[in-house]
Amino acid sequence: MNRKTRLELTWIGKDERPKLEPRILIEDPINSHHASEMSEGSIFDNTLIQGDNLLALRAMETDYTGKIKCVFIDPPYNTGSAFEHYNDGVEHSLWLSLMRDRLEILRRLLSEQGSLWITIDDNEAHYLKVLCDEVFGRENFVGNVVWQKRYSRENRVIIGYAHDHILIYAKDASKLRSAFNKLPLEEKQRKVYRNPNSDPRGLWRGVSLAAQGYRPNQMYTITAPNGRFSRSKRGFLSGHHSLRRLISSPTCSKRSSFLRRRMLPQRLRRSKLIIQV
């Protein structure tokens, strides 16, 4: 039977999958640590699993399927090195199969508002991105956080490897934003918000209405609330009709044609929950 054509990442052995029997987790009292007394608000459901991570994930499915809010993994980067506890230089196709099998279980473990965070470097980052697109769906790709890992010079290669990646995927990206916990604004951030006109909604700051790049439909002249005629060299943030509605609304500053009001956000303190597997 002919397989339906689709866009996908292929590799040798992709159709071969491990046969995993159902697993259970058995507590080892010798390696378990509990508080002598249970106080109000105590949490006793933390678990450290020792063993093969694929088998551990399989065992977690019984109790945690659809319940985990956040997963952070630090897989082998497949750099070709050999370390004491794991091989960081497996054949590329094998690495993809190993990652695929684990990603599929992780997706099943995530709640509908859950997210997966993966650290990786340039050796496999771009293949991993395509693989995650296939497992989670491209629409559930949240972003690629690039972080600088070194500041010294690197003269051994053409361009120095100065950064690594954190790929972020959601079980359902449309539900992730409401699930993010928020941090309170620091005093430095609060200082940019003022209320010179006693706006009843509270503190605010002006935000530029100039566009980031040139588009023909964003190049026009407007009449500001103070009667001035203005034309941005870069164009405006939106089309003419949309901007006229914005200017006539209470959210637009009456002092400048290039500013709108952004109200002080009310943010709550973030609580951190990371399950590492």
Protein backbone atom coordinates (compact mmCIF):
# COMPACT_ATOMS: atom_id res chain seq x y z
CA MET A 1 0.00 0.00 0.00
CA ASN A 2 1.40 3.40 -0.94
CA ARG A 3 2.15 5.70 1.93
CA LYS A 4 0.59 9.13 1.70
CA THR A 5 3.20 11.71 0.77
CA ARG A 6 3.98 14.20 3.53
CA LEU A 7 6.75 16.53 4.56
CA GLU A 8 8.85 14.78 7.20
CA LEU A 9 12.36 14.11 8.45
CA THR A 10 13.57 10.65 7.43
CA TRP A 11 16.50 8.59 8.63
CA ILE A 12 17.72 5.00 8.63
CA GLY A 13 15.75 2.94 11.14
CA LYS A 14 12.96 5.47 11.65
CA ASP A 15 10.26 2.80 11.41
CA GLU A 16 11.96 0.60 14.00
CA ARG A 17 10.56 1.17 17.49
CA PRO A 18 11.50 -0.42 20.81
CA LYS A 19 9.01 -2.84 22.36
CA LEU A 20 8.45 -1.48 25.84
CA GLU A 21 6.49 -3.50 28.35
CA PRO A 22 4.47 -1.65 31.01
CA ARG A 23 6.68 -0.61 33.91
CA ILE A 24 6.11 0.34 37.52
CA LEU A 25 8.20 2.40 39.92
CA ILE A 26 9.34 0.67 43.10
CA GLU A 27 10.57 2.80 45.99
CA ASP A 28 13.98 1.98 47.43
CA PRO A 29 13.74 2.77 51.17
CA ILE A 30 17.51 2.94 51.53
CA ASN A 31 17.72 5.82 49.03
CA SER A 32 14.53 7.56 50.12
CA HIS A 33 14.57 10.68 52.24
CA HIS A 34 11.53 12.04 54.08
CA ALA A 35 11.06 14.82 56.58
CA SER A 36 10.58 13.58 60.13
CA GLU A 37 7.41 15.63 60.50
CA MET A 38 4.83 16.83 57.99
CA SER A 39 4.08 20.53 58.26
CA GLU A 40 1.34 22.54 56.59
CA GLY A 41 2.03 22.94 52.89
CA SER A 42 4.60 20.13 52.80
CA ILE A 43 4.99 18.29 49.52
CA PHE A 44 5.91 14.61 49.64
CA ASP A 45 5.45 13.65 46.00
CA ASN A 46 8.93 14.52 44.69
CA THR A 47 10.54 11.59 42.93
CA LEU A 48 14.11 10.87 41.81
CA ILE A 49 14.23 7.96 39.37
CA GLN A 50 17.44 6.03 38.83
CA GLY A 51 17.76 3.97 35.67
CA ASP A 52 17.28 4.12 31.92
CA ASN A 53 15.33 7.30 31.15
CA LEU A 54 13.18 5.67 28.44
CA LEU A 55 12.03 2.97 30.86
CA ALA A 56 11.51 5.62 33.55
CA LEU A 57 9.31 7.67 31.24
CA ARG A 58 7.35 4.56 30.33
CA ALA A 59 6.76 3.87 34.02
CA MET A 60 5.63 7.46 34.64
CA GLU A 61 2.84 7.17 32.08
CA THR A 62 0.68 5.21 34.52
CA ASP A 63 0.36 8.05 37.03
CA TYR A 64 1.41 11.20 35.17
CA THR A 65 -0.06 11.07 31.66
CA GLY A 66 -1.55 14.48 30.87
CA LYS A 67 -0.56 15.93 34.25
CA ILE A 68 2.95 17.42 33.94
CA LYS A 69 3.09 21.19 33.46
CA CYS A 70 6.75 21.67 32.57
CA VAL A 71 9.56 19.38 31.45
CA PHE A 72 13.21 20.36 31.06
CA ILE A 73 15.63 17.93 29.40
CA ASP A 74 19.33 18.15 28.68
CA PRO A 75 19.93 15.36 26.14
CA PRO A 76 23.34 14.35 24.79
CA TYR A 77 24.45 16.93 22.23
CA ASN A 78 26.03 14.20 20.10
CA THR A 79 29.32 16.07 19.82
CA GLY A 80 31.40 12.93 19.24
CA SER A 81 32.85 12.90 22.75
CA ALA A 82 32.88 9.98 25.17
CA PHE A 83 31.98 10.65 28.80
CA GLU A 84 32.06 8.40 31.83
CA HIS A 85 28.30 7.99 32.17
CA TYR A 86 27.06 8.22 28.59
CA ASN A 87 28.16 8.16 24.97
CA ASP A 88 27.92 11.58 23.31
CA GLY A 89 28.90 10.33 19.88
CA VAL A 90 26.25 7.90 18.60
CA GLU A 91 25.42 7.56 14.92
CA HIS A 92 23.15 10.39 13.77
CA SER A 93 20.22 8.17 12.76
CA LEU A 94 20.37 6.33 16.08
CA TRP A 95 20.40 9.65 17.96
CA LEU A 96 17.24 10.73 16.12
CA SER A 97 15.48 7.45 16.95
CA LEU A 98 16.46 7.71 20.62
CA MET A 99 15.17 11.28 20.82
CA ARG A 100 11.94 10.52 18.93
CA ASP A 101 11.00 7.67 21.28
CA ARG A 102 11.45 9.90 24.34
CA LEU A 103 9.78 12.97 22.86
CA GLU A 104 6.63 11.02 22.04
CA ILE A 105 6.27 9.84 25.64
CA LEU A 106 7.05 13.32 26.97
CA ARG A 107 4.28 14.76 24.85
CA ARG A 108 1.81 12.28 26.32
CA LEU A 109 2.94 13.19 29.84
CA LEU A 110 2.38 16.92 29.33
CA SER A 111 -0.85 18.56 30.41
CA GLU A 112 -2.83 20.59 27.90
CA GLN A 113 -1.04 23.71 29.19
CA GLY A 114 2.31 21.97 29.51
CA SER A 115 5.59 22.88 27.84
CA LEU A 116 8.90 21.18 27.01
CA TRP A 117 12.29 22.95 27.23
CA ILE A 118 15.31 21.31 25.54
CA THR A 119 18.93 22.44 25.72
CA ILE A 120 21.00 21.60 22.64
CA ASP A 121 23.89 22.96 20.58
CA ASP A 122 24.48 23.39 16.85
CA ASN A 123 25.47 19.73 16.28
CA GLU A 124 21.86 18.54 16.37
CA ALA A 125 19.75 21.65 17.08
CA HIS A 126 18.30 22.04 13.60
CA TYR A 127 17.50 18.35 13.13
CA LEU A 128 15.96 18.32 16.60
CA LYS A 129 13.80 21.31 15.65
CA VAL A 130 12.37 19.45 12.65
CA LEU A 131 11.91 16.29 14.72
CA CYS A 132 10.00 18.21 17.39
CA ASP A 133 7.88 19.83 14.69
CA GLU A 134 6.86 16.33 13.63
CA VAL A 135 6.10 15.11 17.17
CA PHE A 136 4.45 18.25 18.59
CA GLY A 137 3.31 20.01 15.41
CA ARG A 138 4.91 23.15 13.98
CA GLU A 139 2.08 25.23 15.38
CA ASN A 140 3.20 24.30 18.90
CA PHE A 141 6.75 25.61 18.52
CA VAL A 142 7.05 28.42 21.06
CA GLY A 143 10.55 29.73 20.47
CA ASN A 144 14.30 29.21 20.41
CA VAL A 145 16.11 30.85 23.31
CA VAL A 146 19.72 31.48 22.31
CA TRP A 147 22.11 31.91 25.23
CA GLN A 148 25.76 32.87 25.11
CA LYS A 149 27.90 30.15 26.64
CA ARG A 150 31.36 31.64 26.18
CA TYR A 151 32.94 35.08 25.97
CA SER A 152 36.54 34.18 25.19
CA ARG A 153 37.98 34.01 21.68
CA GLU A 154 37.84 30.78 19.69
CA ASN A 155 40.59 30.56 17.06
CA ARG A 156 40.35 26.84 16.29
CA VAL A 157 37.33 27.14 14.00
CA ILE A 158 36.13 29.52 11.28
CA ILE A 159 33.39 30.97 13.47
CA GLY A 160 33.47 30.38 17.21
CA TYR A 161 30.73 28.38 18.91
CA ALA A 162 29.62 31.09 21.30
CA HIS A 163 26.02 30.07 21.94
CA ASP A 164 23.67 27.15 22.59
CA HIS A 165 19.92 26.78 22.17
CA ILE A 166 16.86 26.11 24.31
CA LEU A 167 14.02 24.84 22.12
CA ILE A 168 10.57 25.36 23.64
CA TYR A 169 7.47 23.43 22.60
CA ALA A 170 3.95 23.37 23.99
CA LYS A 171 1.43 20.56 24.14
CA ASP A 172 -1.06 23.16 22.87
CA ALA A 173 0.45 26.59 22.17
CA SER A 174 -2.97 28.26 22.22
CA LYS A 175 -3.31 27.39 25.91
CA LEU A 176 0.25 28.04 27.05
CA ARG A 177 0.19 31.82 27.52
CA SER A 178 -2.47 31.67 30.22
CA ALA A 179 -0.49 28.98 32.04
CA PHE A 180 2.70 31.02 32.41
CA ASN A 181 3.27 32.34 35.90
CA LYS A 182 4.37 35.95 36.02
CA LEU A 183 6.96 37.88 37.97
CA PRO A 184 6.35 41.15 39.76
CA LEU A 185 7.88 44.22 38.14
CA GLU A 186 11.17 45.36 39.61
CA GLU A 187 11.53 48.94 40.78
CA LYS A 188 13.67 49.79 37.75
CA GLN A 189 10.85 48.60 35.46
CA ARG A 190 8.18 50.49 37.39
CA LYS A 191 10.05 53.80 37.08
CA VAL A 192 9.24 54.13 33.36
CA TYR A 193 5.49 54.17 34.14
CA ARG A 194 3.93 57.52 35.13
CA ASN A 195 0.52 59.12 35.20
CA PRO A 196 0.95 62.84 34.41
CA ASN A 197 -2.68 63.27 33.31
CA SER A 198 -4.27 61.35 36.22
CA ASP A 199 -5.54 58.53 34.00
CA PRO A 200 -8.10 56.63 36.14
CA ARG A 201 -6.67 53.33 34.96
CA GLY A 202 -3.34 54.05 36.66
CA LEU A 203 0.31 54.34 35.61
CA TRP A 204 1.25 54.21 31.93
CA ARG A 205 4.12 54.88 29.52
CA GLY A 206 4.33 56.01 25.93
CA VAL A 207 5.06 53.40 23.27
CA SER A 208 6.23 54.31 19.78
CA LEU A 209 3.78 53.93 16.90
CA ALA A 210 6.59 53.86 14.32
CA ALA A 211 6.91 50.65 12.30
CA GLN A 212 10.02 48.47 12.42
CA GLY A 213 10.30 48.25 8.64
CA TYR A 214 8.94 49.79 5.44
CA ARG A 215 5.59 48.77 3.98
CA PRO A 216 3.70 50.89 1.42
CA ASN A 217 0.38 50.75 3.28
CA GLN A 218 2.07 52.09 6.43
CA MET A 219 3.38 55.28 4.79
CA TYR A 220 0.92 58.16 5.18
CA THR A 221 0.31 61.45 6.96
CA ILE A 222 -1.86 61.67 10.06
CA THR A 223 -3.29 64.48 12.12
CA ALA A 224 -2.31 64.10 15.75
CA PRO A 225 -4.72 64.81 18.64
CA ASN A 226 -2.88 68.11 19.22
CA GLY A 227 -3.54 69.21 15.60
CA ARG A 228 -0.06 68.58 14.24
CA PHE A 229 0.49 66.83 10.91
CA SER A 230 2.94 63.96 11.20
CA ARG A 231 4.59 61.47 8.87
CA SER A 232 6.97 58.80 10.13
CA LYS A 233 10.07 58.14 8.02
CA ARG A 234 9.72 54.44 8.80
CA GLY A 235 5.97 54.29 8.49
CA PHE A 236 3.38 53.62 11.17
CA LEU A 237 2.70 50.46 13.12
CA SER A 238 -0.59 49.71 11.36
CA GLY A 239 -2.69 50.77 8.38
CA HIS A 240 -4.21 54.25 8.14
CA HIS A 241 -7.75 53.34 9.25
CA SER A 242 -6.54 51.22 12.18
CA LEU A 243 -4.25 53.99 13.38
CA ARG A 244 -7.01 56.62 13.16
CA ARG A 245 -9.17 54.46 15.42
CA LEU A 246 -6.27 54.11 17.84
CA ILE A 247 -5.62 57.86 17.94
CA SER A 248 -9.26 58.57 18.70
CA SER A 249 -9.26 56.07 21.57
CA PRO A 250 -8.35 56.91 25.21
CA THR A 251 -5.21 54.76 24.92
CA CYS A 252 -3.43 57.34 22.74
CA SER A 253 -1.29 60.05 24.31
CA LYS A 254 -2.53 63.59 23.62
CA ARG A 255 1.00 64.94 23.68
CA SER A 256 2.58 63.19 20.71
CA SER A 257 1.47 61.60 17.49
CA PHE A 258 3.99 58.80 17.85
CA LEU A 259 3.01 57.50 21.29
CA ARG A 260 0.26 55.35 22.68
CA ARG A 261 -0.38 54.39 26.28
CA ARG A 262 0.71 51.07 27.65
CA MET A 263 -0.75 50.56 31.08
CA LEU A 264 1.29 49.21 33.98
CA PRO A 265 0.82 45.43 33.90
CA GLN A 266 -0.28 43.69 37.05
CA ARG A 267 2.03 40.73 37.42
CA LEU A 268 2.05 37.96 39.97
CA ARG A 269 5.03 36.19 41.43
CA ARG A 270 6.17 33.13 39.52
CA SER A 271 6.23 29.73 41.15
CA LYS A 272 8.79 27.41 39.58
CA LEU A 273 8.03 23.77 38.82
CA ILE A 274 10.48 21.80 36.71
CA ILE A 275 10.39 18.02 36.36
CA GLN A 276 13.71 16.78 35.05
CA VAL A 277 13.82 13.43 33.33
